[in-house]
Amino acid sequence: MKGGPTDDASGSPTPTVEIEGREIMALYLLLHGQDERLDDTLLSFLDRIEGMLYSRLSIEEMERIGELYERGIDVFSRGDDPTRY
């Protein structure tokens, strides 16, 4: 974990975790469809990673995100045509 912003209550650094592109995809696949089982913290996290993915992928690609993940594609590392998948 890395040190991040200071936590107001204790003055200690708030722990942060850096997540790579395929890890974001994996977490989305794990959490998506589990809405009824997630608490508010996980629902908020799911919304954030879903927003990240929708900023990179079309609706059609989001519908195939499981396939993209299984093919080993990291949608955050591509630098060219966003519709190539």
Protein backbone atom coordinates (compact mmCIF):
# COMPACT_ATOMS: atom_id res chain seq x y z
CA MET A 1 0.00 0.00 0.00
CA LYS A 2 1.06 3.55 -0.60
CA GLY A 3 0.65 6.55 1.65
CA GLY A 4 -2.01 8.93 0.46
CA PRO A 5 -3.93 11.90 1.79
CA THR A 6 -4.04 12.40 5.53
CA ASP A 7 -7.02 11.00 7.41
CA ASP A 8 -8.69 13.88 9.30
CA ALA A 9 -9.55 11.82 12.39
CA SER A 10 -6.13 10.41 13.23
CA GLY A 11 -3.65 12.40 11.18
CA SER A 12 -2.32 9.12 9.78
CA PRO A 13 -1.95 8.61 6.05
CA THR A 14 -5.00 7.01 4.46
CA PRO A 15 -3.88 3.77 2.77
CA THR A 16 -4.34 3.56 -0.99
CA VAL A 17 -3.96 0.73 -3.45
CA GLU A 18 -2.93 1.09 -7.07
CA ILE A 19 -5.03 -1.06 -9.41
CA GLU A 20 -3.89 -1.97 -12.92
CA GLY A 21 -6.19 -2.08 -15.97
CA ARG A 22 -6.94 -5.80 -16.08
CA GLU A 23 -7.43 -5.79 -12.32
CA ILE A 24 -10.15 -3.15 -12.78
CA MET A 25 -11.80 -5.38 -15.37
CA ALA A 26 -11.58 -8.39 -13.03
CA LEU A 27 -13.09 -6.48 -10.11
CA TYR A 28 -15.90 -5.21 -12.31
CA LEU A 29 -16.68 -8.75 -13.47
CA LEU A 30 -16.61 -10.00 -9.88
CA LEU A 31 -18.92 -7.28 -8.51
CA HIS A 32 -21.24 -6.67 -11.47
CA GLY A 33 -24.57 -8.42 -11.06
CA GLN A 34 -24.09 -8.76 -7.31
CA ASP A 35 -25.78 -5.42 -6.51
CA GLU A 36 -28.24 -6.91 -4.03
CA ARG A 37 -25.39 -8.45 -2.03
CA LEU A 38 -23.10 -5.39 -1.95
CA ASP A 39 -22.98 -2.83 0.84
CA ASP A 40 -22.84 0.91 0.15
CA THR A 41 -19.04 0.97 0.02
CA LEU A 42 -18.85 -1.78 -2.59
CA LEU A 43 -21.72 -0.26 -4.61
CA SER A 44 -19.85 3.05 -4.69
CA PHE A 45 -16.65 1.26 -5.76
CA LEU A 46 -18.54 -0.63 -8.48
CA ASP A 47 -19.98 2.66 -9.77
CA ARG A 48 -16.49 4.17 -9.94
CA ILE A 49 -14.91 1.30 -11.83
CA GLU A 50 -17.93 1.04 -14.13
CA GLY A 51 -17.46 4.73 -14.97
CA MET A 52 -13.79 4.10 -15.72
CA LEU A 53 -14.68 1.25 -18.05
CA TYR A 54 -17.47 3.16 -19.82
CA SER A 55 -15.01 6.01 -20.45
CA ARG A 56 -12.84 3.54 -22.41
CA LEU A 57 -15.36 1.16 -23.97
CA SER A 58 -18.46 1.38 -26.10
CA ILE A 59 -21.74 -0.13 -24.90
CA GLU A 60 -21.13 -3.09 -27.21
CA GLU A 61 -17.67 -3.64 -25.74
CA MET A 62 -19.05 -3.41 -22.20
CA GLU A 63 -21.52 -6.15 -23.11
CA ARG A 64 -18.51 -8.29 -24.08
CA ILE A 65 -16.19 -7.31 -21.25
CA GLY A 66 -16.01 -10.90 -19.98
CA GLU A 67 -14.83 -12.03 -23.40
CA LEU A 68 -12.25 -9.22 -23.58
CA TYR A 69 -10.96 -10.17 -20.16
CA GLU A 70 -10.73 -13.87 -21.05
CA ARG A 71 -8.78 -12.96 -24.19
CA GLY A 72 -6.22 -11.18 -22.00
CA ILE A 73 -7.02 -7.71 -23.34
CA ASP A 74 -6.25 -4.75 -21.09
CA VAL A 75 -8.57 -2.00 -22.33
CA PHE A 76 -6.61 0.61 -20.39
CA SER A 77 -3.33 -0.05 -22.19
CA ARG A 78 -4.52 0.38 -25.76
CA GLY A 79 -3.34 3.55 -27.38
CA ASP A 80 -4.98 3.39 -30.74
CA ASP A 81 -8.50 2.97 -32.19
CA PRO A 82 -10.95 2.53 -29.30
CA THR A 83 -13.23 0.37 -31.46
CA ARG A 84 -10.67 -2.27 -32.39
CA TYR A 85 -12.08 -4.92 -30.07
